[in-house]
Amino acid sequence: KICRDVVLFHGVTVGKRLSGSKERPDGMPVIEEGVLVGAGAVVLGPVTVGAGSIIGANTVVTKDVPPGSIVTGPPPVYRTGAFLRSDLG
Protein backbone atom coordinates (compact mmCIF):
# COMPACT_ATOMS: atom_id res chain seq x y z
CA LYS A 1 0.00 0.00 0.00
CA ILE A 2 1.34 3.42 -0.94
CA CYS A 3 -0.38 6.36 0.73
CA ARG A 4 -0.78 9.98 -0.38
CA ASP A 5 2.03 12.47 -0.97
CA VAL A 6 4.70 9.79 -1.50
CA VAL A 7 7.61 10.55 -3.83
CA LEU A 8 9.25 7.59 -5.57
CA PHE A 9 12.29 8.47 -7.67
CA HIS A 10 13.34 6.36 -10.66
CA GLY A 11 14.38 2.76 -10.26
CA VAL A 12 12.61 2.19 -6.91
CA THR A 13 11.48 -1.36 -6.14
CA VAL A 14 8.57 -1.96 -3.75
CA GLY A 15 7.79 -5.63 -3.37
CA LYS A 16 6.62 -8.49 -1.25
CA ARG A 17 8.48 -11.36 0.30
CA LEU A 18 7.40 -14.89 -0.40
CA SER A 19 6.43 -15.34 3.24
CA GLY A 20 4.76 -12.56 5.21
CA SER A 21 4.43 -12.01 8.94
CA LYS A 22 1.63 -12.88 11.35
CA GLU A 23 0.44 -9.27 11.22
CA ARG A 24 0.62 -9.04 7.41
CA PRO A 25 0.50 -12.46 5.79
CA ASP A 26 0.42 -10.88 2.30
CA GLY A 27 4.09 -9.85 2.73
CA MET A 28 3.52 -6.39 1.20
CA PRO A 29 5.09 -3.15 2.47
CA VAL A 30 3.11 -0.10 3.60
CA ILE A 31 4.52 3.32 2.75
CA GLU A 32 2.74 5.97 4.81
CA GLU A 33 1.99 9.60 3.87
CA GLY A 34 4.73 12.07 2.99
CA VAL A 35 7.56 9.56 2.46
CA LEU A 36 10.38 10.27 -0.01
CA VAL A 37 12.13 7.24 -1.53
CA GLY A 38 15.40 7.95 -3.36
CA ALA A 39 16.49 6.55 -6.71
CA GLY A 40 17.31 2.85 -6.80
CA ALA A 41 16.02 2.16 -3.28
CA VAL A 42 14.38 -1.17 -2.45
CA VAL A 43 11.55 -1.66 0.09
CA LEU A 44 10.85 -5.37 0.63
CA GLY A 45 8.55 -7.44 2.76
CA PRO A 46 5.88 -6.76 5.36
CA VAL A 47 7.45 -3.52 6.61
CA THR A 48 5.96 -0.12 7.38
CA VAL A 49 7.77 3.05 6.34
CA GLY A 50 6.48 5.68 8.77
CA ALA A 51 4.98 9.01 7.72
CA GLY A 52 7.40 11.75 6.73
CA SER A 53 10.43 9.46 6.47
CA ILE A 54 13.19 9.65 3.88
CA ILE A 55 14.79 6.58 2.30
CA GLY A 56 18.11 7.42 0.67
CA ALA A 57 19.15 6.38 -2.82
CA ASN A 58 20.17 2.71 -3.24
CA THR A 59 19.08 1.84 0.31
CA VAL A 60 17.56 -1.59 0.95
CA VAL A 61 14.81 -1.50 3.61
CA THR A 62 13.71 -4.81 5.18
CA LYS A 63 12.77 -3.54 8.67
CA ASP A 64 10.10 -1.10 9.87
CA VAL A 65 11.02 2.59 9.66
CA PRO A 66 9.58 4.83 12.43
CA PRO A 67 7.81 8.05 11.39
CA GLY A 68 10.10 11.00 10.69
CA SER A 69 13.20 8.86 10.17
CA ILE A 70 16.02 8.93 7.66
CA VAL A 71 17.45 5.66 6.34
CA THR A 72 20.63 5.64 4.27
CA GLY A 73 22.94 2.86 3.22
CA PRO A 74 24.11 0.30 2.29
CA PRO A 75 24.27 -1.09 4.87
CA PRO A 76 21.12 0.68 6.07
CA VAL A 77 21.60 3.18 8.89
CA TYR A 78 18.37 4.20 10.66
CA ARG A 79 18.20 7.71 12.14
CA THR A 80 14.93 7.69 13.99
CA GLY A 81 12.85 10.70 14.90
CA ALA A 82 15.11 12.97 12.88
CA PHE A 83 12.37 15.23 11.53
CA LEU A 84 9.23 15.25 9.47
CA ARG A 85 9.37 16.32 5.83
CA SER A 86 6.75 18.97 6.62
CA ASP A 87 9.40 20.69 8.80
CA LEU A 88 11.38 21.51 5.64
CA GLY A 89 9.08 24.28 4.57
PDB file of N, CA and C in Angstrom:
ATOM      1  N   LYS A   1       0.853  -1.170   0.000  1.00  0.00           N
ATOM      2  CA  LYS A   1       0.000   0.000   0.000  1.00  0.00           C
ATOM      3  C   LYS A   1       0.898   1.232   0.000  1.00  0.00           C
ATOM      4  N   ILE A   2       0.607   2.151  -0.884  1.00  0.00           N
ATOM      5  CA  ILE A   2       1.339   3.418  -0.944  1.00  0.00           C
ATOM      6  C   ILE A   2       0.320   4.531  -0.705  1.00  0.00           C
ATOM      7  N   CYS A   3       0.550   5.304   0.342  1.00  0.00           N
ATOM      8  CA  CYS A   3      -0.384   6.358   0.734  1.00  0.00           C
ATOM      9  C   CYS A   3      -0.150   7.633  -0.061  1.00  0.00           C
ATOM     10  N   ARG A   4      -0.860   8.691   0.313  1.00  0.00           N
ATOM     11  CA  ARG A   4      -0.783   9.979  -0.376  1.00  0.00           C
ATOM     12  C   ARG A   4       0.559  10.684  -0.146  1.00  0.00           C
ATOM     13  N   ASP A   5       0.882  11.583  -1.080  1.00  0.00           N
ATOM     14  CA  ASP A   5       2.034  12.468  -0.966  1.00  0.00           C
ATOM     15  C   ASP A   5       3.346  11.704  -0.806  1.00  0.00           C
ATOM     16  N   VAL A   6       3.466  10.584  -1.508  1.00  0.00           N
ATOM     17  CA  VAL A   6       4.695   9.792  -1.497  1.00  0.00           C
ATOM     18  C   VAL A   6       5.453  10.081  -2.782  1.00  0.00           C
ATOM     19  N   VAL A   7       6.760  10.306  -2.663  1.00  0.00           N
ATOM     20  CA  VAL A   7       7.606  10.548  -3.828  1.00  0.00           C
ATOM     21  C   VAL A   7       8.502   9.334  -4.023  1.00  0.00           C
ATOM     22  N   LEU A   8       8.397   8.706  -5.204  1.00  0.00           N
ATOM     23  CA  LEU A   8       9.255   7.587  -5.569  1.00  0.00           C
ATOM     24  C   LEU A   8      10.100   8.032  -6.758  1.00  0.00           C
ATOM     25  N   PHE A   9      11.406   8.123  -6.563  1.00  0.00           N
ATOM     26  CA  PHE A   9      12.288   8.473  -7.670  1.00  0.00           C
ATOM     27  C   PHE A   9      12.512   7.249  -8.560  1.00  0.00           C
ATOM     28  N   HIS A  10      13.193   7.426  -9.666  1.00  0.00           N
ATOM     29  CA  HIS A  10      13.336   6.358 -10.658  1.00  0.00           C
ATOM     30  C   HIS A  10      14.080   5.139 -10.106  1.00  0.00           C
ATOM     31  N   GLY A  11      13.697   3.985 -10.615  1.00  0.00           N
ATOM     32  CA  GLY A  11      14.378   2.756 -10.262  1.00  0.00           C
ATOM     33  C   GLY A  11      14.061   2.214  -8.880  1.00  0.00           C
ATOM     34  N   VAL A  12      12.980   2.679  -8.247  1.00  0.00           N
ATOM     35  CA  VAL A  12      12.608   2.195  -6.911  1.00  0.00           C
ATOM     36  C   VAL A  12      11.859   0.868  -7.056  1.00  0.00           C
ATOM     37  N   THR A  13      12.182  -0.088  -6.179  1.00  0.00           N
ATOM     38  CA  THR A  13      11.478  -1.363  -6.137  1.00  0.00           C
ATOM     39  C   THR A  13      10.719  -1.467  -4.831  1.00  0.00           C
ATOM     40  N   VAL A  14       9.413  -1.714  -4.919  1.00  0.00           N
ATOM     41  CA  VAL A  14       8.569  -1.957  -3.750  1.00  0.00           C
ATOM     42  C   VAL A  14       7.949  -3.326  -3.977  1.00  0.00           C
ATOM     43  N   GLY A  15       8.272  -4.287  -3.101  1.00  0.00           N
ATOM     44  CA  GLY A  15       7.792  -5.634  -3.368  1.00  0.00           C
ATOM     45  C   GLY A  15       7.592  -6.465  -2.128  1.00  0.00           C
ATOM     46  N   LYS A  16       6.941  -7.584  -2.355  1.00  0.00           N
ATOM     47  CA  LYS A  16       6.623  -8.488  -1.253  1.00  0.00           C
ATOM     48  C   LYS A  16       7.692  -9.563  -1.105  1.00  0.00           C
ATOM     49  N   ARG A  17       7.669 -10.165   0.065  1.00  0.00           N
ATOM     50  CA  ARG A  17       8.482 -11.360   0.296  1.00  0.00           C
ATOM     51  C   ARG A  17       7.588 -12.565   0.081  1.00  0.00           C
ATOM     52  N   LEU A  18       8.196 -13.693  -0.171  1.00  0.00           N
ATOM     53  CA  LEU A  18       7.397 -14.894  -0.398  1.00  0.00           C
ATOM     54  C   LEU A  18       6.603 -15.294   0.832  1.00  0.00           C
ATOM     55  N   SER A  19       7.166 -15.043   2.012  1.00  0.00           N
ATOM     56  CA  SER A  19       6.427 -15.339   3.238  1.00  0.00           C
ATOM     57  C   SER A  19       6.263 -14.042   4.019  1.00  0.00           C
ATOM     58  N   GLY A  20       5.046 -13.772   4.456  1.00  0.00           N
ATOM     59  CA  GLY A  20       4.764 -12.557   5.205  1.00  0.00           C
ATOM     60  C   GLY A  20       4.991 -12.756   6.689  1.00  0.00           C
ATOM     61  N   SER A  21       4.354 -11.913   7.480  1.00  0.00           N
ATOM     62  CA  SER A  21       4.434 -12.015   8.937  1.00  0.00           C
ATOM     63  C   SER A  21       3.044 -12.353   9.461  1.00  0.00           C
ATOM     64  N   LYS A  22       2.945 -12.600  10.758  1.00  0.00           N
ATOM     65  CA  LYS A  22       1.635 -12.880  11.354  1.00  0.00           C
ATOM     66  C   LYS A  22       0.695 -11.694  11.190  1.00  0.00           C
ATOM     67  N   GLU A  23       1.254 -10.474  11.333  1.00  0.00           N
ATOM     68  CA  GLU A  23       0.438  -9.266  11.224  1.00  0.00           C
ATOM     69  C   GLU A  23       0.028  -8.990   9.780  1.00  0.00           C
ATOM     70  N   ARG A  24       0.905  -9.302   8.834  1.00  0.00           N
ATOM     71  CA  ARG A  24       0.617  -9.037   7.414  1.00  0.00           C
ATOM     72  C   ARG A  24       1.017 -10.245   6.580  1.00  0.00           C
ATOM     73  N   PRO A  25       0.150 -11.228   6.512  1.00  0.00           N
ATOM     74  CA  PRO A  25       0.496 -12.458   5.785  1.00  0.00           C
ATOM     75  C   PRO A  25       0.691 -12.258   4.289  1.00  0.00           C
ATOM     76  N   ASP A  26       0.233 -11.114   3.733  1.00  0.00           N
ATOM     77  CA  ASP A  26       0.418 -10.882   2.296  1.00  0.00           C
ATOM     78  C   ASP A  26       1.864 -10.538   1.952  1.00  0.00           C
ATOM     79  N   GLY A  27       2.674 -10.148   2.953  1.00  0.00           N
ATOM     80  CA  GLY A  27       4.089  -9.853   2.733  1.00  0.00           C
ATOM     81  C   GLY A  27       4.375  -8.529   2.060  1.00  0.00           C
ATOM     82  N   MET A  28       3.369  -7.660   1.923  1.00  0.00           N
ATOM     83  CA  MET A  28       3.524  -6.392   1.199  1.00  0.00           C
ATOM     84  C   MET A  28       3.903  -5.242   2.140  1.00  0.00           C
ATOM     85  N   PRO A  29       4.743  -4.320   1.664  1.00  0.00           N
ATOM     86  CA  PRO A  29       5.091  -3.151   2.472  1.00  0.00           C
ATOM     87  C   PRO A  29       3.972  -2.106   2.476  1.00  0.00           C
ATOM     88  N   VAL A  30       4.001  -1.251   3.504  1.00  0.00           N
ATOM     89  CA  VAL A  30       3.112  -0.097   3.600  1.00  0.00           C
ATOM     90  C   VAL A  30       3.998   1.136   3.671  1.00  0.00           C
ATOM     91  N   ILE A  31       3.777   2.072   2.750  1.00  0.00           N
ATOM     92  CA  ILE A  31       4.520   3.324   2.747  1.00  0.00           C
ATOM     93  C   ILE A  31       3.525   4.415   3.105  1.00  0.00           C
ATOM     94  N   GLU A  32       3.696   5.001   4.290  1.00  0.00           N
ATOM     95  CA  GLU A  32       2.744   5.972   4.807  1.00  0.00           C
ATOM     96  C   GLU A  32       2.908   7.339   4.148  1.00  0.00           C
ATOM     97  N   GLU A  33       2.046   8.271   4.496  1.00  0.00           N
ATOM     98  CA  GLU A  33       1.990   9.597   3.869  1.00  0.00           C
ATOM     99  C   GLU A  33       3.292  10.386   4.015  1.00  0.00           C
ATOM    100  N   GLY A  34       3.620  11.128   2.950  1.00  0.00           N
ATOM    101  CA  GLY A  34       4.728  12.068   2.991  1.00  0.00           C
ATOM    102  C   GLY A  34       6.108  11.468   2.956  1.00  0.00           C
ATOM    103  N   VAL A  35       6.251  10.225   2.509  1.00  0.00           N
ATOM    104  CA  VAL A  35       7.556   9.560   2.460  1.00  0.00           C
ATOM    105  C   VAL A  35       8.247   9.892   1.134  1.00  0.00           C
ATOM    106  N   LEU A  36       9.560  10.065   1.183  1.00  0.00           N
ATOM    107  CA  LEU A  36      10.377  10.266  -0.006  1.00  0.00           C
ATOM    108  C   LEU A  36      11.315   9.070  -0.125  1.00  0.00           C
ATOM    109  N   VAL A  37      11.293   8.410  -1.292  1.00  0.00           N
ATOM    110  CA  VAL A  37      12.134   7.242  -1.528  1.00  0.00           C
ATOM    111  C   VAL A  37      13.078   7.566  -2.677  1.00  0.00           C
ATOM    112  N   GLY A  38      14.380   7.561  -2.389  1.00  0.00           N
ATOM    113  CA  GLY A  38      15.397   7.947  -3.361  1.00  0.00           C
ATOM    114  C   GLY A  38      15.592   6.930  -4.471  1.00  0.00           C
ATOM    115  N   ALA A  39      16.257   7.361  -5.529  1.00  0.00           N
ATOM    116  CA  ALA A  39      16.495   6.551  -6.713  1.00  0.00           C
ATOM    117  C   ALA A  39      17.188   5.240  -6.373  1.00  0.00           C
ATOM    118  N   GLY A  40      16.683   4.161  -6.955  1.00  0.00           N
ATOM    119  CA  GLY A  40      17.308   2.855  -6.799  1.00  0.00           C
ATOM    120  C   GLY A  40      17.071   2.175  -5.467  1.00  0.00           C
ATOM    121  N   ALA A  41      16.284   2.777  -4.592  1.00  0.00           N
ATOM    122  CA  ALA A  41      16.021   2.165  -3.282  1.00  0.00           C
ATOM    123  C   ALA A  41      15.113   0.947  -3.443  1.00  0.00           C
ATOM    124  N   VAL A  42      15.178   0.050  -2.452  1.00  0.00           N
ATOM    125  CA  VAL A  42      14.378  -1.167  -2.450  1.00  0.00           C
ATOM    126  C   VAL A  42      13.673  -1.270  -1.099  1.00  0.00           C
ATOM    127  N   VAL A  43      12.346  -1.458  -1.127  1.00  0.00           N
ATOM    128  CA  VAL A  43      11.550  -1.661   0.091  1.00  0.00           C
ATOM    129  C   VAL A  43      10.889  -3.023  -0.057  1.00  0.00           C
ATOM    130  N   LEU A  44      11.303  -3.989   0.782  1.00  0.00           N
ATOM    131  CA  LEU A  44      10.854  -5.371   0.632  1.00  0.00           C
ATOM    132  C   LEU A  44      10.205  -5.918   1.887  1.00  0.00           C
ATOM    133  N   GLY A  45       9.150  -6.674   1.678  1.00  0.00           N
ATOM    134  CA  GLY A  45       8.550  -7.440   2.756  1.00  0.00           C
ATOM    135  C   GLY A  45       7.481  -6.701   3.521  1.00  0.00           C
ATOM    136  N   PRO A  46       6.975  -7.329   4.570  1.00  0.00           N
ATOM    137  CA  PRO A  46       5.881  -6.762   5.359  1.00  0.00           C
ATOM    138  C   PRO A  46       6.375  -5.701   6.335  1.00  0.00           C
ATOM    139  N   VAL A  47       6.909  -4.606   5.800  1.00  0.00           N
ATOM    140  CA  VAL A  47       7.450  -3.520   6.608  1.00  0.00           C
ATOM    141  C   VAL A  47       6.552  -2.296   6.476  1.00  0.00           C
ATOM    142  N   THR A  48       6.649  -1.399   7.443  1.00  0.00           N
ATOM    143  CA  THR A  48       5.961  -0.118   7.380  1.00  0.00           C
ATOM    144  C   THR A  48       7.007   0.981   7.374  1.00  0.00           C
ATOM    145  N   VAL A  49       6.915   1.863   6.382  1.00  0.00           N
ATOM    146  CA  VAL A  49       7.767   3.052   6.336  1.00  0.00           C
ATOM    147  C   VAL A  49       6.910   4.186   6.876  1.00  0.00           C
ATOM    148  N   GLY A  50       7.281   4.698   8.054  1.00  0.00           N
ATOM    149  CA  GLY A  50       6.483   5.684   8.766  1.00  0.00           C
ATOM    150  C   GLY A  50       6.364   7.015   8.047  1.00  0.00           C
ATOM    151  N   ALA A  51       5.290   7.723   8.345  1.00  0.00           N
ATOM    152  CA  ALA A  51       4.976   9.006   7.722  1.00  0.00           C
ATOM    153  C   ALA A  51       6.143   9.988   7.831  1.00  0.00           C
ATOM    154  N   GLY A  52       6.393  10.701   6.732  1.00  0.00           N
ATOM    155  CA  GLY A  52       7.404  11.750   6.725  1.00  0.00           C
ATOM    156  C   GLY A  52       8.838  11.270   6.690  1.00  0.00           C
ATOM    157  N   SER A  53       9.069   9.992   6.488  1.00  0.00           N
ATOM    158  CA  SER A  53      10.435   9.461   6.468  1.00  0.00           C
ATOM    159  C   SER A  53      11.092   9.672   5.112  1.00  0.00           C
ATOM    160  N   ILE A  54      12.410   9.557   5.105  1.00  0.00           N
ATOM    161  CA  ILE A  54      13.193   9.651   3.877  1.00  0.00           C
ATOM    162  C   ILE A  54      14.044   8.395   3.767  1.00  0.00           C
ATOM    163  N   ILE A  55      13.959   7.737   2.606  1.00  0.00           N
ATOM    164  CA  ILE A  55      14.788   6.578   2.304  1.00  0.00           C
ATOM    165  C   ILE A  55      15.792   7.036   1.256  1.00  0.00           C
ATOM    166  N   GLY A  56      17.069   6.946   1.566  1.00  0.00           N
ATOM    167  CA  GLY A  56      18.114   7.416   0.666  1.00  0.00           C
ATOM    168  C   GLY A  56      18.255   6.549  -0.570  1.00  0.00           C
ATOM    169  N   ALA A  57      18.913   7.098  -1.578  1.00  0.00           N
ATOM    170  CA  ALA A  57      19.153   6.378  -2.824  1.00  0.00           C
ATOM    171  C   ALA A  57      19.916   5.087  -2.566  1.00  0.00           C
ATOM    172  N   ASN A  58      19.530   4.038  -3.278  1.00  0.00           N
ATOM    173  CA  ASN A  58      20.173   2.712  -3.242  1.00  0.00           C
ATOM    174  C   ASN A  58      20.130   2.035  -1.883  1.00  0.00           C
ATOM    175  N   THR A  59      19.241   2.463  -1.007  1.00  0.00           N
ATOM    176  CA  THR A  59      19.085   1.835   0.307  1.00  0.00           C
ATOM    177  C   THR A  59      18.123   0.662   0.210  1.00  0.00           C
ATOM    178  N   VAL A  60      18.433  -0.427   0.902  1.00  0.00           N
ATOM    179  CA  VAL A  60      17.557  -1.594   0.949  1.00  0.00           C
ATOM    180  C   VAL A  60      16.898  -1.631   2.324  1.00  0.00           C
ATOM    181  N   VAL A  61      15.568  -1.530   2.358  1.00  0.00           N
ATOM    182  CA  VAL A  61      14.808  -1.502   3.609  1.00  0.00           C
ATOM    183  C   VAL A  61      14.080  -2.833   3.773  1.00  0.00           C
ATOM    184  N   THR A  62      14.383  -3.541   4.873  1.00  0.00           N
ATOM    185  CA  THR A  62      13.714  -4.806   5.178  1.00  0.00           C
ATOM    186  C   THR A  62      13.179  -4.830   6.607  1.00  0.00           C
ATOM    187  N   LYS A  63      13.293  -3.676   7.312  1.00  0.00           N
ATOM    188  CA  LYS A  63      12.767  -3.535   8.672  1.00  0.00           C
ATOM    189  C   LYS A  63      11.874  -2.307   8.717  1.00  0.00           C
ATOM    190  N   ASP A  64      10.973  -2.261   9.700  1.00  0.00           N
ATOM    191  CA  ASP A  64      10.103  -1.099   9.866  1.00  0.00           C
ATOM    192  C   ASP A  64      10.921   0.168  10.069  1.00  0.00           C
ATOM    193  N   VAL A  65      10.388   1.281   9.531  1.00  0.00           N
ATOM    194  CA  VAL A  65      11.017   2.594   9.662  1.00  0.00           C
ATOM    195  C   VAL A  65      10.057   3.476  10.458  1.00  0.00           C
ATOM    196  N   PRO A  66      10.465   3.970  11.632  1.00  0.00           N
ATOM    197  CA  PRO A  66       9.579   4.827  12.429  1.00  0.00           C
ATOM    198  C   PRO A  66       9.279   6.145  11.706  1.00  0.00           C
ATOM    199  N   PRO A  67       8.143   6.772  12.008  1.00  0.00           N
ATOM    200  CA  PRO A  67       7.810   8.054  11.387  1.00  0.00           C
ATOM    201  C   PRO A  67       8.914   9.093  11.606  1.00  0.00           C
ATOM    202  N   GLY A  68       9.134   9.914  10.584  1.00  0.00           N
ATOM    203  CA  GLY A  68      10.103  10.999  10.687  1.00  0.00           C
ATOM    204  C   GLY A  68      11.545  10.566  10.689  1.00  0.00           C
ATOM    205  N   SER A  69      11.829   9.387  10.160  1.00  0.00           N
ATOM    206  CA  SER A  69      13.196   8.859  10.170  1.00  0.00           C
ATOM    207  C   SER A  69      13.882   9.055   8.834  1.00  0.00           C
ATOM    208  N   ILE A  70      15.208   8.927   8.872  1.00  0.00           N
ATOM    209  CA  ILE A  70      16.018   8.932   7.662  1.00  0.00           C
ATOM    210  C   ILE A  70      16.774   7.613   7.636  1.00  0.00           C
ATOM    211  N   VAL A  71      16.722   6.922   6.497  1.00  0.00           N
ATOM    212  CA  VAL A  71      17.448   5.663   6.338  1.00  0.00           C
ATOM    213  C   VAL A  71      18.368   5.817   5.137  1.00  0.00           C
ATOM    214  N   THR A  72      19.654   5.584   5.357  1.00  0.00           N
ATOM    215  CA  THR A  72      20.626   5.635   4.272  1.00  0.00           C
ATOM    216  C   THR A  72      21.476   4.378   4.321  1.00  0.00           C
ATOM    217  N   GLY A  73      22.105   4.053   3.239  1.00  0.00           N
ATOM    218  CA  GLY A  73      22.942   2.860   3.217  1.00  0.00           C
ATOM    219  C   GLY A  73      23.439   2.621   1.809  1.00  0.00           C
ATOM    220  N   PRO A  74      23.967   1.490   1.479  1.00  0.00           N
ATOM    221  CA  PRO A  74      24.107   0.300   2.288  1.00  0.00           C
ATOM    222  C   PRO A  74      25.363   0.307   3.143  1.00  0.00           C
ATOM    223  N   PRO A  75      25.416  -0.453   4.220  1.00  0.00           N
ATOM    224  CA  PRO A  75      24.269  -1.087   4.872  1.00  0.00           C
ATOM    225  C   PRO A  75      23.346  -0.018   5.452  1.00  0.00           C
ATOM    226  N   PRO A  76      22.061  -0.343   5.612  1.00  0.00           N
ATOM    227  CA  PRO A  76      21.119   0.683   6.066  1.00  0.00           C
ATOM    228  C   PRO A  76      21.424   1.198   7.474  1.00  0.00           C
ATOM    229  N   VAL A  77      21.425   2.515   7.603  1.00  0.00           N
ATOM    230  CA  VAL A  77      21.598   3.182   8.895  1.00  0.00           C
ATOM    231  C   VAL A  77      20.301   3.922   9.171  1.00  0.00           C
ATOM    232  N   TYR A  78      19.661   3.608  10.302  1.00  0.00           N
ATOM    233  CA  TYR A  78      18.368   4.195  10.655  1.00  0.00           C
ATOM    234  C   TYR A  78      18.590   5.340  11.635  1.00  0.00           C
ATOM    235  N   ARG A  79      18.169   6.546  11.247  1.00  0.00           N
ATOM    236  CA  ARG A  79      18.203   7.708  12.139  1.00  0.00           C
ATOM    237  C   ARG A  79      16.762   8.024  12.484  1.00  0.00           C
ATOM    238  N   THR A  80      16.337   7.590  13.646  1.00  0.00           N
ATOM    239  CA  THR A  80      14.925   7.694  13.990  1.00  0.00           C
ATOM    240  C   THR A  80      14.579   9.039  14.597  1.00  0.00           C
ATOM    241  N   GLY A  81      13.354   9.461  14.330  1.00  0.00           N
ATOM    242  CA  GLY A  81      12.853  10.700  14.898  1.00  0.00           C
ATOM    243  C   GLY A  81      13.622  11.923  14.475  1.00  0.00           C
ATOM    244  N   ALA A  82      14.267  11.864  13.318  1.00  0.00           N
ATOM    245  CA  ALA A  82      15.111  12.969  12.879  1.00  0.00           C
ATOM    246  C   ALA A  82      14.290  14.229  12.619  1.00  0.00           C
ATOM    247  N   PHE A  83      13.241  14.105  11.855  1.00  0.00           N
ATOM    248  CA  PHE A  83      12.368  15.227  11.533  1.00  0.00           C
ATOM    249  C   PHE A  83      11.232  14.713  10.671  1.00  0.00           C
ATOM    250  N   LEU A  84      10.272  15.565  10.434  1.00  0.00           N
ATOM    251  CA  LEU A  84       9.226  15.252   9.474  1.00  0.00           C
ATOM    252  C   LEU A  84       9.458  16.103   8.240  1.00  0.00           C
ATOM    253  N   ARG A  85       9.159  15.571   7.063  1.00  0.00           N
ATOM    254  CA  ARG A  85       9.374  16.325   5.828  1.00  0.00           C
ATOM    255  C   ARG A  85       8.627  17.648   5.850  1.00  0.00           C
ATOM    256  N   SER A  86       7.517  17.722   6.564  1.00  0.00           N
ATOM    257  CA  SER A  86       6.753  18.969   6.623  1.00  0.00           C
ATOM    258  C   SER A  86       7.542  20.075   7.331  1.00  0.00           C
ATOM    259  N   ASP A  87       8.557  19.709   8.119  1.00  0.00           N
ATOM    260  CA  ASP A  87       9.402  20.686   8.802  1.00  0.00           C
ATOM    261  C   ASP A  87      10.308  21.450   7.831  1.00  0.00           C
ATOM    262  N   LEU A  88      10.455  20.921   6.605  1.00  0.00           N
ATOM    263  CA  LEU A  88      11.383  21.514   5.642  1.00  0.00           C
ATOM    264  C   LEU A  88      10.829  22.778   4.992  1.00  0.00           C
ATOM    265  N   GLY A  89       9.563  23.047   5.154  1.00  0.00           N
ATOM    266  CA  GLY A  89       9.085  24.279   4.570  1.00  0.00           C
ATOM    267  C   GLY A  89       7.778  24.134   3.961  1.00  0.00           C
TER     268      GLY A  89
END
